[in-house]
Amino acid sequence: MNTQRRQFLALASLAGAGALLPTRFAFAGTSPQPNRFVLILLRGALDGLAAVPPYGDPDYVALRRESAIGADTALKLDGLFGLNPGLKFLHESYTARELLVMHAVATPYRERSHFDGQDVLENGMQRAHATQTGWLNRALLALPAAQRAGSKDAGVALGQNLPLVMRGPAPVASWSPSKLPAMEQDTLQRISDLYAADPLLSQRLAAALDANAVAASAQMSDAQTAALARQPARGAAQYLETVRAAGAFLRAEDGPAVAVFDTTGWDTHANEGGVQGQIAIRLGALDQALHSLKESLGPVWDRTAILIATEFGRTAALNGTRGTDHGTGAAAFLLGGAVKGGRVLADWPGLSARSLYQGRDLMPTLDLRSVTKSVLRDHLGIPVRALEDKVFPDSRSAPYFDDLLRSV
């Protein structure tokens, strides 16, 4: 039995007992300020074997050939796993024990449709299109009063569209970077006067102006904008603006407890690369954005947990165009000052031909819902009954972990 499997089984045994314990979370009765949670969705299926290369697995190099990332190049985590060299900030966070790396992780979804995979990732159900609401919105309905801290909205979604994970009966705010020039103050006043007679419109306008005011406090410097604009990843400057706005919302005294945003472009069917190439560029841009998020959160960082997840993984072997196709097992990350990090959570199945799922994919051995439920319970104080009955129905087979977060 390898070390990773022993560590995982030890955690799992604690998790089974922990499900019977009363709900506990870091801010209960001890912290004067509420915790913060960020969900980042990597749309397109992140290649976990490129992001977190298992260089210690004897079958890894043969599967990845010229794209393999060896122990001499990867940012070392332990004797089996490393990080892609583009993830320098994440490696620093791991060393600082603020990053938990998860591997061979998946939702209940076992097919290979982006649309259905993302639906399951966001709806919290066993299958796609089972509901029109998202698990995080349903969780916000059970958020303790102490976590709201006077905020009008418990959560905020940043981006052009409201993602499924935030849709539902719980009120949430939304914000996206504007491509239009700022309005003159006189114009805004005229619009306010026009809307004054309509309670709904005036309330919506006031909320939008408040959101823009918060986001404006996180605007990048000219040097930051210019540096990011040189990144090859498309839309990187606008992405960083979104990231910094998320930090501004969450660090506000009456800010929301939860923020959600996404990033696209992880569907690497051809010329994926490893140390270099498109995957390295995208991972580097993600890493820079996460560093900026930490800076933007400021003092709130110590009370923040950030879950970074994707809809499914990619094939274990390269395809004929030096890329990877849709797979199953993936990698995920739990980052933040509130995270008990410096560890890899993986019941590693191996990459031998007999160990692969359907002979082609990394076998999933960790249910993403186990991690998500544990963070919601211990970090945001969501009651177990709500998690099991409303947030993630039919997830009792996914046990809780009791030591993902720091105790206060």
Foldseek 3Di string as FASTA:
>chain_A
DDPLQVVQVVLVVVLVVVLPDFFAAFCPPNNQAAFAEEEEEEAQAAAFCQQKPQQLFPCQCVQQPPQHAHPVQFQDLDNGIGGQPLQVLQSVQLVVQFKEKEWLEAALDFDFDRQFLVQCVFQQENGHPPDQAGLQLLLVVQFDPRNQLQAPAQEEEEDDDDDRNNDDDGDYHYYYDDPDDDDDPVVLVVVLVVCVVPVVVNVVSVSHVVLVVLLVVQDDDPVVLVVQVPQPDPPLSRVLSRLLSVLSQCLDSSHHRYYYYYDYDNNWQAQCHHSDTDSSSVSNSVSVSVVSNCVSNPPSQLSYKYKYDYSAHWWSHRDPRSTTHGAHIRMIMIGTSFWSHSYYNYSAQGDPQVSADVSIHRNRDAYVLQVVVQCSRHRRNRGPVSCDVPSNDPCPVHTHGDHGGDHD
